[in-house]
C-alpha atoms as a PDB file:
ATOM      1  CA  MET A   1      15.825   8.214  10.276  1.00  0.00           C
ATOM      2  CA  THR A   2      12.557   9.541  10.084  1.00  0.00           C
ATOM      3  CA  ILE A   3       9.462   8.123   8.519  1.00  0.00           C
ATOM      4  CA  SER A   4       6.627   9.783   7.315  1.00  0.00           C
ATOM      5  CA  PRO A   5       3.187   8.611   8.817  1.00  0.00           C
ATOM      6  CA  THR A   6       1.903   7.671   5.358  1.00  0.00           C
ATOM      7  CA  SER A   7       5.119   5.818   4.500  1.00  0.00           C
ATOM      8  CA  ARG A   8       4.453   1.952   3.895  1.00  0.00           C
ATOM      9  CA  TYR A   9       7.615   1.695   6.254  1.00  0.00           C
ATOM     10  CA  PHE A  10       6.408   3.429   9.090  1.00  0.00           C
ATOM     11  CA  GLY A  11       6.779   1.842  12.386  1.00  0.00           C
ATOM     12  CA  LEU A  12       9.245  -0.717  10.870  1.00  0.00           C
ATOM     13  CA  GLU A  13      12.493  -1.019  12.976  1.00  0.00           C
ATOM     14  CA  THR A  14      16.079   0.454  12.077  1.00  0.00           C
ATOM     15  CA  LYS A  15      18.529  -2.017  12.094  1.00  0.00           C
ATOM     16  CA  PHE A  16      22.097  -1.648  11.295  1.00  0.00           C
ATOM     17  CA  LEU A  17      24.684  -3.675  10.000  1.00  0.00           C
ATOM     18  CA  GLU A  18      28.647  -2.975  10.730  1.00  0.00           C
ATOM     19  CA  ARG A  19      30.888  -3.410   7.953  1.00  0.00           C
ATOM     20  CA  PRO A  20      34.519  -5.046   8.182  1.00  0.00           C
ATOM     21  CA  ASP A  21      35.641  -1.343   8.576  1.00  0.00           C
ATOM     22  CA  GLY A  22      33.336  -0.756  11.653  1.00  0.00           C
ATOM     23  CA  THR A  23      31.224   1.552   9.888  1.00  0.00           C
ATOM     24  CA  LYS A  24      27.610   0.922  10.673  1.00  0.00           C
ATOM     25  CA  VAL A  25      24.771   1.682   8.105  1.00  0.00           C
ATOM     26  CA  ALA A  26      21.052   1.933   8.902  1.00  0.00           C
ATOM     27  CA  TYR A  27      18.440  -0.147   7.070  1.00  0.00           C
ATOM     28  CA  LEU A  28      14.313  -1.101   7.744  1.00  0.00           C
ATOM     29  CA  GLY A  29      13.550  -4.375   9.022  1.00  0.00           C
ATOM     30  CA  ARG A  30      11.445  -6.349   6.794  1.00  0.00           C
ATOM     31  CA  ARG A  31       7.724  -5.068   6.016  1.00  0.00           C
ATOM     32  CA  PHE A  32       5.180  -8.280   5.584  1.00  0.00           C
ATOM     33  CA  THR A  33       2.717  -7.173   3.662  1.00  0.00           C
ATOM     34  CA  PRO A  34      -0.694  -7.458   5.325  1.00  0.00           C
ATOM     35  CA  SER A  35      -3.569 -10.173   4.420  1.00  0.00           C
ATOM     36  CA  PRO A  36      -6.623  -8.186   2.237  1.00  0.00           C
ATOM     37  CA  ASP A  37      -9.323  -9.527   4.636  1.00  0.00           C
ATOM     38  CA  ARG A  38      -7.376  -6.642   6.998  1.00  0.00           C
ATOM     39  CA  PHE A  39      -9.361  -4.248   4.805  1.00  0.00           C
ATOM     40  CA  ALA A  40     -12.961  -3.115   4.946  1.00  0.00           C
ATOM     41  CA  THR A  41     -14.036  -1.949   1.568  1.00  0.00           C
ATOM     42  CA  LEU A  42     -15.771   0.725   0.909  1.00  0.00           C
ATOM     43  CA  SER A  43     -16.433   0.599  -2.899  1.00  0.00           C
ATOM     44  CA  PHE A  44     -14.592  -1.083  -6.106  1.00  0.00           C
ATOM     45  CA  HIS A  45     -13.359   1.065  -9.065  1.00  0.00           C
ATOM     46  CA  VAL A  46     -13.398  -0.677 -12.858  1.00  0.00           C
ATOM     47  CA  VAL A  47     -10.017  -0.155 -14.649  1.00  0.00           C
ATOM     48  CA  LEU A  48     -10.277   2.459 -17.471  1.00  0.00           C
ATOM     49  CA  GLN A  49      -7.751   2.121 -20.620  1.00  0.00           C
ATOM     50  CA  GLY A  50      -5.000   3.593 -19.948  1.00  0.00           C
ATOM     51  CA  GLU A  51      -5.714   3.989 -16.351  1.00  0.00           C
ATOM     52  CA  ARG A  52      -2.531   4.408 -13.708  1.00  0.00           C
ATOM     53  CA  LEU A  53      -2.710   3.322 -10.103  1.00  0.00           C
ATOM     54  CA  ASP A  54      -1.344   6.581  -8.933  1.00  0.00           C
ATOM     55  CA  ASN A  55      -4.336   8.493 -10.510  1.00  0.00           C
ATOM     56  CA  VAL A  56      -7.084   5.844  -9.060  1.00  0.00           C
ATOM     57  CA  THR A  57      -5.595   6.804  -5.427  1.00  0.00           C
ATOM     58  CA  ALA A  58      -5.425  10.665  -6.046  1.00  0.00           C
ATOM     59  CA  LYS A  59      -8.714  10.250  -6.676  1.00  0.00           C
ATOM     60  CA  PHE A  60     -10.218   8.023  -3.870  1.00  0.00           C
ATOM     61  CA  LEU A  61      -7.395   8.403  -1.132  1.00  0.00           C
ATOM     62  CA  GLY A  62      -6.285  12.223  -2.044  1.00  0.00           C
ATOM     63  CA  ASP A  63      -2.911  10.986  -2.268  1.00  0.00           C
ATOM     64  CA  PRO A  64      -1.225   9.456  -5.387  1.00  0.00           C
ATOM     65  CA  GLU A  65       1.629   8.153  -3.386  1.00  0.00           C
ATOM     66  CA  GLN A  66      -0.794   5.997  -1.466  1.00  0.00           C
ATOM     67  CA  PHE A  67      -0.979   3.222  -4.047  1.00  0.00           C
ATOM     68  CA  TRP A  68       0.597   1.003  -1.686  1.00  0.00           C
ATOM     69  CA  ARG A  69      -2.499   1.018   0.405  1.00  0.00           C
ATOM     70  CA  LEU A  70      -4.783  -0.197  -2.831  1.00  0.00           C
ATOM     71  CA  ALA A  71      -2.174  -2.634  -3.618  1.00  0.00           C
ATOM     72  CA  ASP A  72      -2.295  -3.939  -0.078  1.00  0.00           C
ATOM     73  CA  SER A  73      -5.436  -4.315   0.050  1.00  0.00           C
ATOM     74  CA  ASN A  74      -5.923  -6.379  -3.413  1.00  0.00           C
ATOM     75  CA  GLY A  75      -2.873  -8.375  -2.376  1.00  0.00           C
ATOM     76  CA  ALA A  76      -1.223  -7.082  -5.445  1.00  0.00           C
ATOM     77  CA  LEU A  77       3.044  -7.830  -4.986  1.00  0.00           C
ATOM     78  CA  HIS A  78       3.460  -5.517  -8.153  1.00  0.00           C
ATOM     79  CA  PRO A  79       0.894  -2.660  -7.756  1.00  0.00           C
ATOM     80  CA  ASP A  80       1.195  -2.259 -11.900  1.00  0.00           C
ATOM     81  CA  GLU A  81      -0.852  -5.422 -12.051  1.00  0.00           C
ATOM     82  CA  LEU A  82      -4.160  -3.865 -10.608  1.00  0.00           C
ATOM     83  CA  THR A  83      -4.070  -1.143 -13.732  1.00  0.00           C
ATOM     84  CA  ALA A  84      -2.930  -3.732 -15.849  1.00  0.00           C
ATOM     85  CA  ARG A  85      -6.692  -5.097 -17.423  1.00  0.00           C
ATOM     86  CA  VAL A  86      -9.117  -2.736 -18.645  1.00  0.00           C
ATOM     87  CA  GLY A  87     -12.615  -3.720 -16.660  1.00  0.00           C
ATOM     88  CA  ALA A  88     -10.287  -4.959 -13.793  1.00  0.00           C
ATOM     89  CA  ARG A  89     -12.195  -4.117 -10.187  1.00  0.00           C
ATOM     90  CA  ILE A  90     -10.397  -2.707  -7.625  1.00  0.00           C
ATOM     91  CA  ARG A  91     -11.178  -2.876  -3.913  1.00  0.00           C
ATOM     92  CA  ILE A  92     -11.251   0.776  -2.273  1.00  0.00           C
ATOM     93  CA  THR A  93     -10.631   0.261   1.340  1.00  0.00           C
ATOM     94  CA  LEU A  94     -10.274   1.572   4.404  1.00  0.00           C
ATOM     95  CA  PRO A  95      -6.898   1.524   6.165  1.00  0.00           C
ATOM     96  CA  GLU A  96      -5.587  -1.596   7.272  1.00  0.00           C
ATOM     97  CA  GLY A  97      -7.457  -2.645  10.760  1.00  0.00           C
ATOM     98  CA  ILE A  98     -10.037  -0.356  10.608  1.00  0.00           C
ATOM     99  CA  PRO A  99     -13.386  -1.757  10.762  1.00  0.00           C
ATOM    100  CA  GLY A 100     -16.213  -1.109   8.254  1.00  0.00           C
ATOM    101  CA  VAL A 101     -19.674  -0.752   9.044  1.00  0.00           C
ATOM    102  CA  ALA A 102     -21.641  -4.146   8.256  1.00  0.00           C
ATOM    103  CA  ASP A 103     -23.900  -3.988   5.336  1.00  0.00           C
ATOM    104  CA  ALA A 104     -22.488  -0.535   4.174  1.00  0.00           C
END
């Protein structure tokens, strides 16, 4: 099983389940959502009417499929929560664990 380095599942252990008939089914181990304090804030984005998270990530991260990074850094278990309210502020961050510049 090959997982892209840009996937939220990259680095998770591949596990196997053996069925009663002896066939093995591959699956990925559990992914724990990181704490938002592990992300350095670069800026904030204020949600506009009708905005979608994939469009926000395309604009700020250059890839609409990276919506999960903003969900993680904003503590959202359901990514659509981030754009559900007009005027909400979304943190735009560095990837998890990369330190930012103090007082940037």
